[in-house]
Amino acid sequence: MSQTARRLSVLHVIAGFDPHEAQGATIASITAHLPGEHHLVTTTARSPERFASVTVLDVPMRSMWDRAAPQLSAAVAAIRPDVVHLHGGPFTLY
């Protein structure tokens, strides 16, 4: 019996995505080398075409980690990723 493999779904969360900056370049590299469906949650997205979906949070970048929990929770519930990849901020402590 043949089974169709489901693609890995990865949600990347970062305050501001820019593939030319260190953390953004890391995410860009992961999306290029890890097969699967990659999604992005951020406050700003520069060159986001590599992602299956992009959720731009309605909070200022500097207060993202303090004020974005409800929007981030809704994005996770909507996307239902296999992996949530957090870049920085206090959420990485949990």
Protein backbone atom coordinates (compact mmCIF):
# COMPACT_ATOMS: atom_id res chain seq x y z
CA MET A 1 0.00 0.00 0.00
CA SER A 2 1.38 3.37 -0.99
CA GLN A 3 1.11 6.28 1.41
CA THR A 4 1.38 9.91 0.40
CA ALA A 5 3.80 11.71 2.69
CA ARG A 6 2.54 14.94 4.15
CA ARG A 7 4.91 17.90 3.79
CA LEU A 8 6.48 19.30 6.93
CA SER A 9 4.91 22.62 7.92
CA VAL A 10 7.20 25.16 9.61
CA LEU A 11 6.10 28.48 11.10
CA HIS A 12 8.92 31.01 11.47
CA VAL A 13 8.30 33.83 13.97
CA ILE A 14 10.56 36.88 13.98
CA ALA A 15 10.04 40.54 14.92
CA GLY A 16 11.14 41.80 11.50
CA PHE A 17 12.05 39.65 8.49
CA ASP A 18 14.77 40.84 6.14
CA PRO A 19 16.74 38.10 4.32
CA HIS A 20 19.78 40.39 4.21
CA GLU A 21 20.09 40.61 8.00
CA ALA A 22 21.47 37.84 10.24
CA GLN A 23 18.30 36.27 11.63
CA GLY A 24 16.41 36.75 8.37
CA ALA A 25 19.29 35.19 6.44
CA THR A 26 19.14 32.19 8.76
CA ILE A 27 15.44 31.76 8.07
CA ALA A 28 16.02 32.21 4.33
CA SER A 29 18.67 29.48 4.45
CA ILE A 30 16.36 27.13 6.32
CA THR A 31 13.54 27.67 3.81
CA ALA A 32 15.96 27.02 0.95
CA HIS A 33 17.39 23.80 2.39
CA LEU A 34 14.57 22.22 4.41
CA PRO A 35 11.85 20.73 2.22
CA GLY A 36 8.37 21.63 3.36
CA GLU A 37 5.83 24.39 3.60
CA HIS A 38 7.23 27.47 5.35
CA HIS A 39 5.09 30.21 6.88
CA LEU A 40 6.10 33.54 8.41
CA VAL A 41 4.70 35.63 11.27
CA THR A 42 6.35 39.03 11.69
CA THR A 43 5.72 42.76 12.07
CA THR A 44 7.52 43.59 8.81
CA ALA A 45 8.37 41.37 5.86
CA ARG A 46 10.95 42.28 3.25
CA SER A 47 11.10 39.82 0.30
CA PRO A 48 8.59 37.33 1.74
CA GLU A 49 7.87 35.47 -1.52
CA ARG A 50 9.58 32.29 -0.29
CA PHE A 51 6.76 31.62 2.22
CA ALA A 52 3.47 29.79 1.71
CA SER A 53 1.82 32.42 3.91
CA VAL A 54 2.83 35.63 5.66
CA THR A 55 1.01 37.02 8.69
CA VAL A 56 1.94 40.61 9.49
CA LEU A 57 1.12 41.41 13.10
CA ASP A 58 -0.60 44.68 13.87
CA VAL A 59 1.84 45.74 16.60
CA PRO A 60 5.02 47.84 16.54
CA MET A 61 8.20 45.77 16.12
CA ARG A 62 9.67 46.93 19.43
CA SER A 63 6.62 45.76 21.39
CA MET A 64 5.94 42.60 19.40
CA TRP A 65 6.88 40.20 22.16
CA ASP A 66 4.79 42.10 24.74
CA ARG A 67 1.62 42.63 22.71
CA ALA A 68 1.44 40.01 19.98
CA ALA A 69 0.49 36.88 21.93
CA PRO A 70 -3.20 36.85 20.88
CA GLN A 71 -2.37 37.39 17.18
CA LEU A 72 0.46 34.85 17.29
CA SER A 73 -1.83 32.31 18.95
CA ALA A 74 -4.44 32.85 16.22
CA ALA A 75 -1.80 32.39 13.49
CA VAL A 76 -0.58 29.12 15.04
CA ALA A 77 -4.17 27.87 15.29
CA ALA A 78 -4.89 28.78 11.66
CA ILE A 79 -1.67 27.33 10.19
CA ARG A 80 -1.34 24.32 12.52
CA PRO A 81 2.40 23.91 11.86
CA ASP A 82 4.44 20.85 12.75
CA VAL A 83 7.25 23.11 13.97
CA VAL A 84 7.23 26.66 15.38
CA HIS A 85 10.65 28.27 14.93
CA LEU A 86 10.99 31.34 17.19
CA HIS A 87 13.74 33.90 16.67
CA GLY A 88 14.42 35.91 19.82
CA GLY A 89 12.17 37.50 22.37
CA PRO A 90 10.79 36.17 25.64
CA PHE A 91 8.65 33.50 23.94
CA THR A 92 11.86 31.54 23.30
CA LEU A 93 12.07 30.91 27.06
CA TYR A 94 9.05 28.61 27.01
